[in-house]
Amino acid sequence: MEYELVNACIVTKDRWISNGSIVIKDGIIASVNAGGPPAGKEFV
């Protein structure tokens, strides 16, 4: 199962990302990105 947290303020041990997104796949963080999701991304 895959989840994506978008438009979030993400705080890591070495930086702060405003308007970021996190992708979680099978309970593991798969990616952390600055900005929103890719264009055309579908949300349910």
PDB file of N, CA and C in Angstrom:
ATOM      1  N   MET A   1       0.837  -1.169   0.000  1.00  0.00           N
ATOM      2  CA  MET A   1       0.000   0.000   0.000  1.00  0.00           C
ATOM      3  C   MET A   1       0.889   1.242   0.000  1.00  0.00           C
ATOM      4  N   GLU A   2       0.447   2.274  -0.685  1.00  0.00           N
ATOM      5  CA  GLU A   2       1.232   3.512  -0.788  1.00  0.00           C
ATOM      6  C   GLU A   2       0.402   4.696  -0.309  1.00  0.00           C
ATOM      7  N   TYR A   3       1.037   5.540   0.483  1.00  0.00           N
ATOM      8  CA  TYR A   3       0.419   6.769   0.973  1.00  0.00           C
ATOM      9  C   TYR A   3       1.328   7.930   0.619  1.00  0.00           C
ATOM     10  N   GLU A   4       0.717   9.118   0.443  1.00  0.00           N
ATOM     11  CA  GLU A   4       1.526  10.309   0.207  1.00  0.00           C
ATOM     12  C   GLU A   4       0.967  11.460   1.027  1.00  0.00           C
ATOM     13  N   LEU A   5       1.835  12.062   1.808  1.00  0.00           N
ATOM     14  CA  LEU A   5       1.497  13.239   2.601  1.00  0.00           C
ATOM     15  C   LEU A   5       1.986  14.436   1.801  1.00  0.00           C
ATOM     16  N   VAL A   6       1.075  15.334   1.431  1.00  0.00           N
ATOM     17  CA  VAL A   6       1.450  16.470   0.588  1.00  0.00           C
ATOM     18  C   VAL A   6       1.166  17.791   1.294  1.00  0.00           C
ATOM     19  N   ASN A   7       1.806  18.849   0.798  1.00  0.00           N
ATOM     20  CA  ASN A   7       1.639  20.195   1.336  1.00  0.00           C
ATOM     21  C   ASN A   7       1.925  20.206   2.838  1.00  0.00           C
ATOM     22  N   ALA A   8       2.998  19.537   3.219  1.00  0.00           N
ATOM     23  CA  ALA A   8       3.332  19.380   4.627  1.00  0.00           C
ATOM     24  C   ALA A   8       4.612  20.123   4.973  1.00  0.00           C
ATOM     25  N   CYS A   9       4.731  20.490   6.232  1.00  0.00           N
ATOM     26  CA  CYS A   9       5.976  21.045   6.746  1.00  0.00           C
ATOM     27  C   CYS A   9       6.755  19.859   7.309  1.00  0.00           C
ATOM     28  N   ILE A  10       7.874  19.540   6.681  1.00  0.00           N
ATOM     29  CA  ILE A  10       8.651  18.358   7.044  1.00  0.00           C
ATOM     30  C   ILE A  10       9.932  18.799   7.743  1.00  0.00           C
ATOM     31  N   VAL A  11      10.175  18.228   8.913  1.00  0.00           N
ATOM     32  CA  VAL A  11      11.381  18.545   9.673  1.00  0.00           C
ATOM     33  C   VAL A  11      12.227  17.279   9.763  1.00  0.00           C
ATOM     34  N   THR A  12      13.442  17.344   9.234  1.00  0.00           N
ATOM     35  CA  THR A  12      14.374  16.224   9.338  1.00  0.00           C
ATOM     36  C   THR A  12      15.479  16.624  10.309  1.00  0.00           C
ATOM     37  N   LYS A  13      16.429  15.737  10.542  1.00  0.00           N
ATOM     38  CA  LYS A  13      17.488  16.068  11.500  1.00  0.00           C
ATOM     39  C   LYS A  13      18.406  17.174  11.005  1.00  0.00           C
ATOM     40  N   ASP A  14      18.422  17.426   9.685  1.00  0.00           N
ATOM     41  CA  ASP A  14      19.338  18.451   9.176  1.00  0.00           C
ATOM     42  C   ASP A  14      18.689  19.559   8.350  1.00  0.00           C
ATOM     43  N   ARG A  15      17.359  19.513   8.153  1.00  0.00           N
ATOM     44  CA  ARG A  15      16.716  20.613   7.418  1.00  0.00           C
ATOM     45  C   ARG A  15      15.213  20.661   7.654  1.00  0.00           C
ATOM     46  N   TRP A  16      14.623  21.763   7.205  1.00  0.00           N
ATOM     47  CA  TRP A  16      13.204  22.041   7.339  1.00  0.00           C
ATOM     48  C   TRP A  16      12.677  22.269   5.932  1.00  0.00           C
ATOM     49  N   ILE A  17      11.645  21.531   5.513  1.00  0.00           N
ATOM     50  CA  ILE A  17      11.081  21.659   4.169  1.00  0.00           C
ATOM     51  C   ILE A  17       9.640  22.127   4.301  1.00  0.00           C
ATOM     52  N   SER A  18       9.354  23.348   3.853  1.00  0.00           N
ATOM     53  CA  SER A  18       7.966  23.800   3.850  1.00  0.00           C
ATOM     54  C   SER A  18       7.345  23.378   2.521  1.00  0.00           C
ATOM     55  N   ASN A  19       6.064  23.092   2.522  1.00  0.00           N
ATOM     56  CA  ASN A  19       5.340  22.629   1.333  1.00  0.00           C
ATOM     57  C   ASN A  19       6.025  21.408   0.718  1.00  0.00           C
ATOM     58  N   GLY A  20       6.294  20.420   1.535  1.00  0.00           N
ATOM     59  CA  GLY A  20       6.953  19.206   1.054  1.00  0.00           C
ATOM     60  C   GLY A  20       5.982  18.048   0.924  1.00  0.00           C
ATOM     61  N   SER A  21       6.487  16.921   0.455  1.00  0.00           N
ATOM     62  CA  SER A  21       5.677  15.712   0.354  1.00  0.00           C
ATOM     63  C   SER A  21       6.515  14.504   0.759  1.00  0.00           C
ATOM     64  N   ILE A  22       5.828  13.518   1.335  1.00  0.00           N
ATOM     65  CA  ILE A  22       6.466  12.271   1.754  1.00  0.00           C
ATOM     66  C   ILE A  22       5.682  11.122   1.136  1.00  0.00           C
ATOM     67  N   VAL A  23       6.379  10.167   0.541  1.00  0.00           N
ATOM     68  CA  VAL A  23       5.754   8.955   0.009  1.00  0.00           C
ATOM     69  C   VAL A  23       6.112   7.805   0.944  1.00  0.00           C
ATOM     70  N   ILE A  24       5.082   7.079   1.392  1.00  0.00           N
ATOM     71  CA  ILE A  24       5.276   5.931   2.270  1.00  0.00           C
ATOM     72  C   ILE A  24       4.776   4.689   1.544  1.00  0.00           C
ATOM     73  N   LYS A  25       5.660   3.700   1.364  1.00  0.00           N
ATOM     74  CA  LYS A  25       5.302   2.441   0.700  1.00  0.00           C
ATOM     75  C   LYS A  25       5.554   1.297   1.667  1.00  0.00           C
ATOM     76  N   ASP A  26       4.535   0.496   1.899  1.00  0.00           N
ATOM     77  CA  ASP A  26       4.638  -0.668   2.782  1.00  0.00           C
ATOM     78  C   ASP A  26       5.210  -0.312   4.150  1.00  0.00           C
ATOM     79  N   GLY A  27       4.795   0.849   4.683  1.00  0.00           N
ATOM     80  CA  GLY A  27       5.212   1.262   6.013  1.00  0.00           C
ATOM     81  C   GLY A  27       6.601   1.857   6.111  1.00  0.00           C
ATOM     82  N   ILE A  28       7.264   2.067   4.970  1.00  0.00           N
ATOM     83  CA  ILE A  28       8.623   2.620   4.947  1.00  0.00           C
ATOM     84  C   ILE A  28       8.626   3.910   4.135  1.00  0.00           C
ATOM     85  N   ILE A  29       9.317   4.939   4.620  1.00  0.00           N
ATOM     86  CA  ILE A  29       9.420   6.192   3.871  1.00  0.00           C
ATOM     87  C   ILE A  29      10.220   5.929   2.606  1.00  0.00           C
ATOM     88  N   ALA A  30       9.569   6.112   1.447  1.00  0.00           N
ATOM     89  CA  ALA A  30      10.209   5.854   0.157  1.00  0.00           C
ATOM     90  C   ALA A  30      10.893   7.100  -0.385  1.00  0.00           C
ATOM     91  N   SER A  31      10.304   8.284  -0.142  1.00  0.00           N
ATOM     92  CA  SER A  31      10.932   9.519  -0.610  1.00  0.00           C
ATOM     93  C   SER A  31      10.408  10.717   0.155  1.00  0.00           C
ATOM     94  N   VAL A  32      11.250  11.737   0.229  1.00  0.00           N
ATOM     95  CA  VAL A  32      10.907  13.028   0.816  1.00  0.00           C
ATOM     96  C   VAL A  32      11.271  14.064  -0.225  1.00  0.00           C
ATOM     97  N   ASN A  33      10.303  14.915  -0.606  1.00  0.00           N
ATOM     98  CA  ASN A  33      10.519  15.872  -1.686  1.00  0.00           C
ATOM     99  C   ASN A  33      10.087  17.272  -1.290  1.00  0.00           C
ATOM    100  N   ALA A  34      10.764  18.264  -1.841  1.00  0.00           N
ATOM    101  CA  ALA A  34      10.333  19.651  -1.693  1.00  0.00           C
ATOM    102  C   ALA A  34       9.278  19.906  -2.759  1.00  0.00           C
ATOM    103  N   GLY A  35       8.237  20.633  -2.413  1.00  0.00           N
ATOM    104  CA  GLY A  35       7.167  20.907  -3.368  1.00  0.00           C
ATOM    105  C   GLY A  35       6.097  19.839  -3.316  1.00  0.00           C
ATOM    106  N   GLY A  36       5.085  20.028  -4.137  1.00  0.00           N
ATOM    107  CA  GLY A  36       3.957  19.108  -4.156  1.00  0.00           C
ATOM    108  C   GLY A  36       4.220  17.873  -4.982  1.00  0.00           C
ATOM    109  N   PRO A  37       3.177  17.082  -5.178  1.00  0.00           N
ATOM    110  CA  PRO A  37       3.313  15.860  -5.959  1.00  0.00           C
ATOM    111  C   PRO A  37       3.489  16.167  -7.444  1.00  0.00           C
ATOM    112  N   PRO A  38       3.933  15.204  -8.231  1.00  0.00           N
ATOM    113  CA  PRO A  38       4.081  15.423  -9.675  1.00  0.00           C
ATOM    114  C   PRO A  38       2.741  15.761 -10.323  1.00  0.00           C
ATOM    115  N   ALA A  39       2.773  16.521 -11.387  1.00  0.00           N
ATOM    116  CA  ALA A  39       1.550  16.866 -12.116  1.00  0.00           C
ATOM    117  C   ALA A  39       0.874  15.586 -12.588  1.00  0.00           C
ATOM    118  N   GLY A  40      -0.437  15.557 -12.493  1.00  0.00           N
ATOM    119  CA  GLY A  40      -1.185  14.393 -12.939  1.00  0.00           C
ATOM    120  C   GLY A  40      -1.330  13.315 -11.884  1.00  0.00           C
ATOM    121  N   LYS A  41      -0.792  13.530 -10.693  1.00  0.00           N
ATOM    122  CA  LYS A  41      -0.899  12.542  -9.614  1.00  0.00           C
ATOM    123  C   LYS A  41      -2.352  12.459  -9.181  1.00  0.00           C
ATOM    124  N   GLU A  42      -2.883  11.263  -9.065  1.00  0.00           N
ATOM    125  CA  GLU A  42      -4.276  11.062  -8.694  1.00  0.00           C
ATOM    126  C   GLU A  42      -4.380  10.740  -7.210  1.00  0.00           C
ATOM    127  N   PHE A  43      -5.324  11.386  -6.530  1.00  0.00           N
ATOM    128  CA  PHE A  43      -5.555  11.148  -5.110  1.00  0.00           C
ATOM    129  C   PHE A  43      -6.943  10.578  -4.926  1.00  0.00           C
ATOM    130  N   VAL A  44      -7.060   9.622  -4.035  1.00  0.00           N
ATOM    131  CA  VAL A  44      -8.363   9.012  -3.750  1.00  0.00           C
ATOM    132  C   VAL A  44      -8.725   9.310  -2.318  1.00  0.00           C
TER     133      VAL A  44
END
